[in-house]
Amino acid sequence: MLHVHDLSVTSPTRTLLTGVSFELSAGERVGIVGASGAGKSQLVGAVLGLTPPGLTVSGSVQIEGTEVVAARPGVWRPLRGRATALVAQDPGTALDPLTRVGRQVALPLRAQGVARAGARDRARALLAEVGLPDADRRFPSQLSGGQRQRVALAMALAGAPRLLVADEPTSALDPTVQADVLDLLDRVTTEGALLLVTHDLAVATRLCTRLLVLAEGRLVADGPVAQVLADPLLADVVAASRELAVHR
């Protein structure tokens, strides 16, 4: 499904990610954890072709056998929304404040060639699936933060992606709403693969069976959740993640 080999991200002044390698199989749930500045966001950006201008990516990322490092838009076009989709930390970055949410959820379907009526009906069904059955005529400003995150998840699910990447999807939400969104993520990823990026070990252990631990831009551990958490050599890294979660 996803093969990452010797992946590095550099800026003109420093190295942000160094020599990261891992694989993710179809249907697998993997969490990426680490303290702030460990390189989690750089890893996700490089995997999804979303690295900001000014940064350089080297190494290899293959999604279902297609190499995507430095790939042109035409290479990404059949992958986005179908092979992979992203749920970002801030749904405000994914939602257009001037467009009703039903239309926004339908847009990925229209881009895949679904007829207007079919896309509209599917968008309503997706909104109902994420607990917003009557939200299709609303604008993002008329929704709470948790509801906007649900809309962003519905948009990501529109193309039935085989790999859902969730980048800190609950960090901006209060604890009660966070629990609801985690339950929803758990339910909608029962068949596809999940790559979850989080600073919160409790979130990662709730949804994932395997952890990748980043520290100072390097992958320092990769294994089953219980094994990683019990490794005495990782005690400081694990403690840093727990402390960050407590203070957020």
C-alpha atoms as a PDB file:
ATOM      1  CA  MET A   1       0.000   0.000   0.000  1.00  0.00           C
ATOM      2  CA  LEU A   2       2.601   2.558   1.167  1.00  0.00           C
ATOM      3  CA  HIS A   3       6.370   2.112   0.920  1.00  0.00           C
ATOM      4  CA  VAL A   4       8.677   4.814   2.290  1.00  0.00           C
ATOM      5  CA  HIS A   5      12.440   4.422   1.880  1.00  0.00           C
ATOM      6  CA  ASP A   6      15.256   6.692   3.076  1.00  0.00           C
ATOM      7  CA  LEU A   7      12.965   9.728   3.093  1.00  0.00           C
ATOM      8  CA  SER A   8      14.545  13.053   4.022  1.00  0.00           C
ATOM      9  CA  VAL A   9      13.268  16.629   4.085  1.00  0.00           C
ATOM     10  CA  THR A  10      15.662  19.576   4.200  1.00  0.00           C
ATOM     11  CA  SER A  11      15.412  23.346   4.272  1.00  0.00           C
ATOM     12  CA  PRO A  12      18.202  25.676   3.103  1.00  0.00           C
ATOM     13  CA  THR A  13      19.475  25.866   6.682  1.00  0.00           C
ATOM     14  CA  ARG A  14      18.757  22.510   8.337  1.00  0.00           C
ATOM     15  CA  THR A  15      17.566  18.929   8.008  1.00  0.00           C
ATOM     16  CA  LEU A  16      13.993  18.354   9.192  1.00  0.00           C
ATOM     17  CA  LEU A  17      13.642  14.630   8.471  1.00  0.00           C
ATOM     18  CA  THR A  18      16.439  12.110   7.953  1.00  0.00           C
ATOM     19  CA  GLY A  19      16.423   8.663   6.354  1.00  0.00           C
ATOM     20  CA  VAL A  20      12.925   7.519   7.355  1.00  0.00           C
ATOM     21  CA  SER A  21      11.859   4.098   6.048  1.00  0.00           C
ATOM     22  CA  PHE A  22       8.706   2.090   6.747  1.00  0.00           C
ATOM     23  CA  GLU A  23       5.890   0.211   5.029  1.00  0.00           C
ATOM     24  CA  LEU A  24       2.156   0.214   5.627  1.00  0.00           C
ATOM     25  CA  SER A  25      -0.033  -2.631   4.399  1.00  0.00           C
ATOM     26  CA  ALA A  26      -3.642  -2.518   3.237  1.00  0.00           C
ATOM     27  CA  GLY A  27      -6.010  -2.379   6.199  1.00  0.00           C
ATOM     28  CA  GLU A  28      -3.264  -1.587   8.720  1.00  0.00           C
ATOM     29  CA  ARG A  29      -3.621   1.131  11.372  1.00  0.00           C
ATOM     30  CA  VAL A  30      -0.361   2.915  12.125  1.00  0.00           C
ATOM     31  CA  GLY A  31       0.235   5.850  14.451  1.00  0.00           C
ATOM     32  CA  ILE A  32       3.060   8.374  14.070  1.00  0.00           C
ATOM     33  CA  VAL A  33       3.959   9.914  17.425  1.00  0.00           C
ATOM     34  CA  GLY A  34       6.628  12.217  18.748  1.00  0.00           C
ATOM     35  CA  ALA A  35       7.134  15.489  20.550  1.00  0.00           C
ATOM     36  CA  SER A  36       6.599  18.857  18.898  1.00  0.00           C
ATOM     37  CA  GLY A  37       9.255  19.419  16.232  1.00  0.00           C
ATOM     38  CA  ALA A  38       9.983  15.707  15.824  1.00  0.00           C
ATOM     39  CA  GLY A  39       9.190  15.805  12.097  1.00  0.00           C
ATOM     40  CA  LYS A  40       5.648  14.414  12.019  1.00  0.00           C
ATOM     41  CA  SER A  41       4.186  17.128   9.781  1.00  0.00           C
ATOM     42  CA  GLN A  42       7.175  17.006   7.429  1.00  0.00           C
ATOM     43  CA  LEU A  43       6.704  13.256   7.061  1.00  0.00           C
ATOM     44  CA  VAL A  44       3.010  13.579   6.207  1.00  0.00           C
ATOM     45  CA  GLY A  45       3.667  16.414   3.772  1.00  0.00           C
ATOM     46  CA  ALA A  46       6.337  14.402   1.976  1.00  0.00           C
ATOM     47  CA  VAL A  47       4.175  11.272   1.800  1.00  0.00           C
ATOM     48  CA  LEU A  48       1.200  13.170   0.361  1.00  0.00           C
ATOM     49  CA  GLY A  49       3.094  15.514  -1.954  1.00  0.00           C
ATOM     50  CA  LEU A  50       2.222  18.548   0.166  1.00  0.00           C
ATOM     51  CA  THR A  51       5.682  19.740   1.171  1.00  0.00           C
ATOM     52  CA  PRO A  52       5.767  23.570   1.361  1.00  0.00           C
ATOM     53  CA  PRO A  53       7.864  25.527  -1.150  1.00  0.00           C
ATOM     54  CA  GLY A  54      11.457  25.973  -0.068  1.00  0.00           C
ATOM     55  CA  LEU A  55      11.839  22.461   1.322  1.00  0.00           C
ATOM     56  CA  THR A  56      13.537  19.621  -0.554  1.00  0.00           C
ATOM     57  CA  VAL A  57      12.372  16.002  -0.410  1.00  0.00           C
ATOM     58  CA  SER A  58      14.667  13.090  -1.259  1.00  0.00           C
ATOM     59  CA  GLY A  59      14.298   9.336  -1.034  1.00  0.00           C
ATOM     60  CA  SER A  60      11.329   7.289  -2.189  1.00  0.00           C
ATOM     61  CA  VAL A  61       7.602   7.208  -1.453  1.00  0.00           C
ATOM     62  CA  GLN A  62       5.498   4.683  -3.345  1.00  0.00           C
ATOM     63  CA  ILE A  63       1.716   4.608  -3.061  1.00  0.00           C
ATOM     64  CA  GLU A  64       0.302   1.396  -4.502  1.00  0.00           C
ATOM     65  CA  GLY A  65       3.468   1.022  -6.562  1.00  0.00           C
ATOM     66  CA  THR A  66       3.548   4.589  -7.920  1.00  0.00           C
ATOM     67  CA  GLU A  67       6.572   6.742  -7.069  1.00  0.00           C
ATOM     68  CA  VAL A  68       5.375  10.156  -5.867  1.00  0.00           C
ATOM     69  CA  VAL A  69       8.489  12.005  -4.694  1.00  0.00           C
ATOM     70  CA  ALA A  70       8.830  14.997  -7.055  1.00  0.00           C
ATOM     71  CA  ALA A  71       5.879  13.631  -9.048  1.00  0.00           C
ATOM     72  CA  ARG A  72       3.989  15.876 -11.462  1.00  0.00           C
ATOM     73  CA  PRO A  73       0.296  16.689 -10.866  1.00  0.00           C
ATOM     74  CA  GLY A  74      -0.726  14.148 -13.488  1.00  0.00           C
ATOM     75  CA  VAL A  75       0.792  11.370 -11.382  1.00  0.00           C
ATOM     76  CA  TRP A  76      -1.115  12.497  -8.302  1.00  0.00           C
ATOM     77  CA  ARG A  77      -4.462  13.003 -10.023  1.00  0.00           C
ATOM     78  CA  PRO A  78      -5.625   9.345  -9.957  1.00  0.00           C
ATOM     79  CA  LEU A  79      -4.247   8.864  -6.427  1.00  0.00           C
ATOM     80  CA  ARG A  80      -5.781  11.778  -4.537  1.00  0.00           C
ATOM     81  CA  GLY A  81      -9.132  10.947  -3.022  1.00  0.00           C
ATOM     82  CA  ARG A  82      -9.035   7.322  -4.143  1.00  0.00           C
ATOM     83  CA  ALA A  83      -5.739   5.830  -3.028  1.00  0.00           C
ATOM     84  CA  THR A  84      -5.182   8.456  -0.318  1.00  0.00           C
ATOM     85  CA  ALA A  85      -7.041  11.269   1.405  1.00  0.00           C
ATOM     86  CA  LEU A  86      -6.122  13.670   4.198  1.00  0.00           C
ATOM     87  CA  VAL A  87      -8.004  14.841   7.274  1.00  0.00           C
ATOM     88  CA  ALA A  88      -6.074  17.889   8.481  1.00  0.00           C
ATOM     89  CA  GLN A  89      -5.699  19.267  11.990  1.00  0.00           C
ATOM     90  CA  ASP A  90      -7.609  22.443  11.160  1.00  0.00           C
ATOM     91  CA  PRO A  91     -10.762  21.838   9.089  1.00  0.00           C
ATOM     92  CA  GLY A  92     -10.688  25.527   8.226  1.00  0.00           C
ATOM     93  CA  THR A  93      -7.854  24.779   5.813  1.00  0.00           C
ATOM     94  CA  ALA A  94     -10.039  22.280   3.939  1.00  0.00           C
ATOM     95  CA  LEU A  95     -13.393  24.087   3.929  1.00  0.00           C
ATOM     96  CA  ASP A  96     -14.447  27.044   1.783  1.00  0.00           C
ATOM     97  CA  PRO A  97     -16.309  29.484   4.070  1.00  0.00           C
ATOM     98  CA  LEU A  98     -18.444  30.728   1.151  1.00  0.00           C
ATOM     99  CA  THR A  99     -19.700  27.332  -0.051  1.00  0.00           C
ATOM    100  CA  ARG A 100     -22.384  25.167   1.537  1.00  0.00           C
ATOM    101  CA  VAL A 101     -20.925  22.021   3.054  1.00  0.00           C
ATOM    102  CA  GLY A 102     -23.041  19.646   0.970  1.00  0.00           C
ATOM    103  CA  ARG A 103     -21.559  21.081  -2.200  1.00  0.00           C
ATOM    104  CA  GLN A 104     -18.050  20.843  -0.755  1.00  0.00           C
ATOM    105  CA  VAL A 105     -18.461  17.162   0.086  1.00  0.00           C
ATOM    106  CA  ALA A 106     -19.818  16.573  -3.430  1.00  0.00           C
ATOM    107  CA  LEU A 107     -16.891  18.284  -5.188  1.00  0.00           C
ATOM    108  CA  PRO A 108     -14.435  15.341  -4.913  1.00  0.00           C
ATOM    109  CA  LEU A 109     -17.114  13.089  -6.367  1.00  0.00           C
ATOM    110  CA  ARG A 110     -17.754  15.461  -9.256  1.00  0.00           C
ATOM    111  CA  ALA A 111     -13.999  15.517  -9.922  1.00  0.00           C
ATOM    112  CA  GLN A 112     -14.137  11.737 -10.256  1.00  0.00           C
ATOM    113  CA  GLY A 113     -16.869  11.967 -12.872  1.00  0.00           C
ATOM    114  CA  VAL A 114     -19.937  11.307 -10.718  1.00  0.00           C
ATOM    115  CA  ALA A 115     -23.049  13.013 -12.112  1.00  0.00           C
ATOM    116  CA  ARG A 116     -24.348  16.059 -10.244  1.00  0.00           C
ATOM    117  CA  ALA A 117     -27.441  14.364  -8.800  1.00  0.00           C
ATOM    118  CA  GLY A 118     -25.496  11.277  -7.770  1.00  0.00           C
ATOM    119  CA  ALA A 119     -22.778  13.375  -6.138  1.00  0.00           C
ATOM    120  CA  ARG A 120     -25.384  15.394  -4.240  1.00  0.00           C
ATOM    121  CA  ASP A 121     -27.103  12.267  -2.931  1.00  0.00           C
ATOM    122  CA  ARG A 122     -23.796  10.653  -1.984  1.00  0.00           C
ATOM    123  CA  ALA A 123     -22.706  13.839  -0.175  1.00  0.00           C
ATOM    124  CA  ARG A 124     -25.883  13.795   1.895  1.00  0.00           C
ATOM    125  CA  ALA A 125     -25.304  10.132   2.727  1.00  0.00           C
ATOM    126  CA  LEU A 126     -21.710  10.847   3.788  1.00  0.00           C
ATOM    127  CA  LEU A 127     -22.798  13.728   6.003  1.00  0.00           C
ATOM    128  CA  ALA A 128     -25.369  11.443   7.602  1.00  0.00           C
ATOM    129  CA  GLU A 129     -22.656   8.815   8.103  1.00  0.00           C
ATOM    130  CA  VAL A 130     -20.536  11.281  10.083  1.00  0.00           C
ATOM    131  CA  GLY A 131     -23.511  12.389  12.178  1.00  0.00           C
ATOM    132  CA  LEU A 132     -24.610  15.514  10.265  1.00  0.00           C
ATOM    133  CA  PRO A 133     -27.749  14.414   8.393  1.00  0.00           C
ATOM    134  CA  ASP A 134     -29.203  17.920   8.018  1.00  0.00           C
ATOM    135  CA  ALA A 135     -26.046  19.950   7.430  1.00  0.00           C
ATOM    136  CA  ASP A 136     -25.796  19.938   3.638  1.00  0.00           C
ATOM    137  CA  ARG A 137     -27.335  23.432   3.250  1.00  0.00           C
ATOM    138  CA  ARG A 138     -25.239  25.026   5.977  1.00  0.00           C
ATOM    139  CA  PHE A 139     -22.082  27.086   5.642  1.00  0.00           C
ATOM    140  CA  PRO A 140     -18.971  26.197   7.695  1.00  0.00           C
ATOM    141  CA  SER A 141     -19.467  29.273   9.891  1.00  0.00           C
ATOM    142  CA  GLN A 142     -22.790  27.815  11.040  1.00  0.00           C
ATOM    143  CA  LEU A 143     -21.085  24.712  12.443  1.00  0.00           C
ATOM    144  CA  SER A 144     -19.049  24.069  15.573  1.00  0.00           C
ATOM    145  CA  GLY A 145     -15.396  23.048  15.419  1.00  0.00           C
ATOM    146  CA  GLY A 146     -16.280  19.407  15.936  1.00  0.00           C
ATOM    147  CA  GLN A 147     -18.945  19.557  13.232  1.00  0.00           C
ATOM    148  CA  ARG A 148     -16.498  21.151  10.778  1.00  0.00           C
ATOM    149  CA  GLN A 149     -14.043  18.334  11.464  1.00  0.00           C
ATOM    150  CA  ARG A 150     -16.820  15.850  10.684  1.00  0.00           C
ATOM    151  CA  VAL A 151     -17.448  17.623   7.366  1.00  0.00           C
ATOM    152  CA  ALA A 152     -13.720  17.437   6.577  1.00  0.00           C
ATOM    153  CA  LEU A 153     -13.841  13.709   7.308  1.00  0.00           C
ATOM    154  CA  ALA A 154     -16.864  13.284   5.024  1.00  0.00           C
ATOM    155  CA  MET A 155     -14.938  15.064   2.248  1.00  0.00           C
ATOM    156  CA  ALA A 156     -11.956  12.762   2.769  1.00  0.00           C
ATOM    157  CA  LEU A 157     -14.196   9.690   2.639  1.00  0.00           C
ATOM    158  CA  ALA A 158     -15.984  10.798  -0.535  1.00  0.00           C
ATOM    159  CA  GLY A 159     -13.617   8.932  -2.839  1.00  0.00           C
ATOM    160  CA  ALA A 160     -13.539   5.812  -0.614  1.00  0.00           C
ATOM    161  CA  PRO A 161      -9.752   6.129  -0.100  1.00  0.00           C
ATOM    162  CA  ARG A 162      -7.797   2.982   0.605  1.00  0.00           C
ATOM    163  CA  LEU A 163      -5.457   4.963   2.886  1.00  0.00           C
ATOM    164  CA  LEU A 164      -6.799   7.704   5.151  1.00  0.00           C
ATOM    165  CA  VAL A 165      -4.155  10.029   6.607  1.00  0.00           C
ATOM    166  CA  ALA A 166      -5.304  11.923   9.702  1.00  0.00           C
ATOM    167  CA  ASP A 167      -2.925  14.688  10.822  1.00  0.00           C
ATOM    168  CA  GLU A 168      -3.683  15.659  14.443  1.00  0.00           C
ATOM    169  CA  PRO A 169      -7.430  15.402  13.689  1.00  0.00           C
ATOM    170  CA  THR A 170      -8.579  16.040  17.267  1.00  0.00           C
ATOM    171  CA  SER A 171      -5.929  18.314  18.788  1.00  0.00           C
ATOM    172  CA  ALA A 172      -8.023  21.477  18.346  1.00  0.00           C
ATOM    173  CA  LEU A 173     -11.163  19.950  19.884  1.00  0.00           C
ATOM    174  CA  ASP A 174     -12.362  19.807  23.475  1.00  0.00           C
ATOM    175  CA  PRO A 175     -12.211  16.368  25.172  1.00  0.00           C
ATOM    176  CA  THR A 176     -15.880  15.457  24.687  1.00  0.00           C
ATOM    177  CA  VAL A 177     -15.903  16.335  20.989  1.00  0.00           C
ATOM    178  CA  GLN A 178     -12.503  14.663  20.607  1.00  0.00           C
ATOM    179  CA  ALA A 179     -13.925  11.371  21.879  1.00  0.00           C
ATOM    180  CA  ASP A 180     -16.815  11.571  19.410  1.00  0.00           C
ATOM    181  CA  VAL A 181     -14.479  12.204  16.459  1.00  0.00           C
ATOM    182  CA  LEU A 182     -12.200   9.333  17.517  1.00  0.00           C
ATOM    183  CA  ASP A 183     -15.186   6.993  17.694  1.00  0.00           C
ATOM    184  CA  LEU A 184     -16.140   8.137  14.203  1.00  0.00           C
ATOM    185  CA  LEU A 185     -12.619   7.593  12.840  1.00  0.00           C
ATOM    186  CA  ASP A 186     -12.597   4.138  14.386  1.00  0.00           C
ATOM    187  CA  ARG A 187     -15.898   3.275  12.717  1.00  0.00           C
ATOM    188  CA  VAL A 188     -15.158   4.590   9.224  1.00  0.00           C
ATOM    189  CA  THR A 189     -11.706   2.999   8.921  1.00  0.00           C
ATOM    190  CA  THR A 190     -12.676  -0.593   9.638  1.00  0.00           C
ATOM    191  CA  GLU A 191     -11.759  -1.677   6.095  1.00  0.00           C
ATOM    192  CA  GLY A 192      -9.202   0.834   4.788  1.00  0.00           C
ATOM    193  CA  ALA A 193      -5.734   1.644   6.109  1.00  0.00           C
ATOM    194  CA  LEU A 194      -5.158   4.493   8.578  1.00  0.00           C
ATOM    195  CA  LEU A 195      -2.034   6.594   9.117  1.00  0.00           C
ATOM    196  CA  LEU A 196      -2.669   8.700  12.212  1.00  0.00           C
ATOM    197  CA  VAL A 197      -0.341  11.535  13.207  1.00  0.00           C
ATOM    198  CA  THR A 198      -0.677  12.673  16.806  1.00  0.00           C
ATOM    199  CA  HIS A 199       1.252  14.048  19.768  1.00  0.00           C
ATOM    200  CA  ASP A 200      -1.168  12.207  22.074  1.00  0.00           C
ATOM    201  CA  LEU A 201      -0.254   8.610  22.877  1.00  0.00           C
ATOM    202  CA  ALA A 202      -3.724   7.927  24.263  1.00  0.00           C
ATOM    203  CA  VAL A 203      -5.230   8.786  20.876  1.00  0.00           C
ATOM    204  CA  ALA A 204      -2.678   6.649  19.028  1.00  0.00           C
ATOM    205  CA  THR A 205      -3.131   3.609  21.251  1.00  0.00           C
ATOM    206  CA  ARG A 206      -6.907   3.865  20.982  1.00  0.00           C
ATOM    207  CA  LEU A 207      -6.958   3.633  17.182  1.00  0.00           C
ATOM    208  CA  CYS A 208      -3.689   1.994  16.127  1.00  0.00           C
ATOM    209  CA  THR A 209      -2.025  -1.389  16.475  1.00  0.00           C
ATOM    210  CA  ARG A 210       1.454  -0.186  15.482  1.00  0.00           C
ATOM    211  CA  LEU A 211       3.483   2.911  16.334  1.00  0.00           C
ATOM    212  CA  LEU A 212       6.208   4.820  14.532  1.00  0.00           C
ATOM    213  CA  VAL A 213       8.131   7.074  16.921  1.00  0.00           C
ATOM    214  CA  LEU A 214       9.935  10.149  15.600  1.00  0.00           C
ATOM    215  CA  ALA A 215      12.548  12.113  17.513  1.00  0.00           C
ATOM    216  CA  GLU A 216      14.562  15.017  16.100  1.00  0.00           C
ATOM    217  CA  GLY A 217      13.632  14.086  12.547  1.00  0.00           C
ATOM    218  CA  ARG A 218      14.597  10.424  12.812  1.00  0.00           C
ATOM    219  CA  LEU A 219      12.527   7.263  13.099  1.00  0.00           C
ATOM    220  CA  VAL A 220      13.648   5.771  16.409  1.00  0.00           C
ATOM    221  CA  ALA A 221      11.072   2.990  16.795  1.00  0.00           C
ATOM    222  CA  ASP A 222       8.606   0.989  14.724  1.00  0.00           C
ATOM    223  CA  GLY A 223       6.602  -1.832  16.246  1.00  0.00           C
ATOM    224  CA  PRO A 224       3.413  -3.033  17.944  1.00  0.00           C
ATOM    225  CA  VAL A 225       1.960  -0.524  20.407  1.00  0.00           C
ATOM    226  CA  ALA A 226       2.662  -2.544  23.558  1.00  0.00           C
ATOM    227  CA  GLN A 227       6.239  -3.280  22.494  1.00  0.00           C
ATOM    228  CA  VAL A 228       7.045   0.362  21.762  1.00  0.00           C
ATOM    229  CA  LEU A 229       5.522   1.650  24.992  1.00  0.00           C
ATOM    230  CA  ALA A 230       7.404  -0.946  27.055  1.00  0.00           C
ATOM    231  CA  ASP A 231      10.832  -0.285  25.497  1.00  0.00           C
ATOM    232  CA  PRO A 232      13.025   1.306  28.215  1.00  0.00           C
ATOM    233  CA  LEU A 233      15.225   2.918  25.560  1.00  0.00           C
ATOM    234  CA  LEU A 234      12.211   4.956  24.422  1.00  0.00           C
ATOM    235  CA  ALA A 235      11.092   6.067  27.876  1.00  0.00           C
ATOM    236  CA  ASP A 236      12.183   9.693  27.389  1.00  0.00           C
ATOM    237  CA  VAL A 237      10.532   9.978  23.964  1.00  0.00           C
ATOM    238  CA  VAL A 238       7.293   8.427  25.206  1.00  0.00           C
ATOM    239  CA  ALA A 239       7.301  10.668  28.279  1.00  0.00           C
ATOM    240  CA  ALA A 240       7.776  13.752  26.091  1.00  0.00           C
ATOM    241  CA  SER A 241       4.737  12.818  24.007  1.00  0.00           C
ATOM    242  CA  ARG A 242       2.641  12.239  27.121  1.00  0.00           C
ATOM    243  CA  GLU A 243       3.739  15.551  28.653  1.00  0.00           C
ATOM    244  CA  LEU A 244       2.897  17.452  25.465  1.00  0.00           C
ATOM    245  CA  ALA A 245      -0.568  15.877  25.385  1.00  0.00           C
ATOM    246  CA  VAL A 246      -1.231  16.874  29.005  1.00  0.00           C
ATOM    247  CA  HIS A 247      -0.306  20.510  28.394  1.00  0.00           C
ATOM    248  CA  ARG A 248      -2.369  20.955  25.214  1.00  0.00           C
END
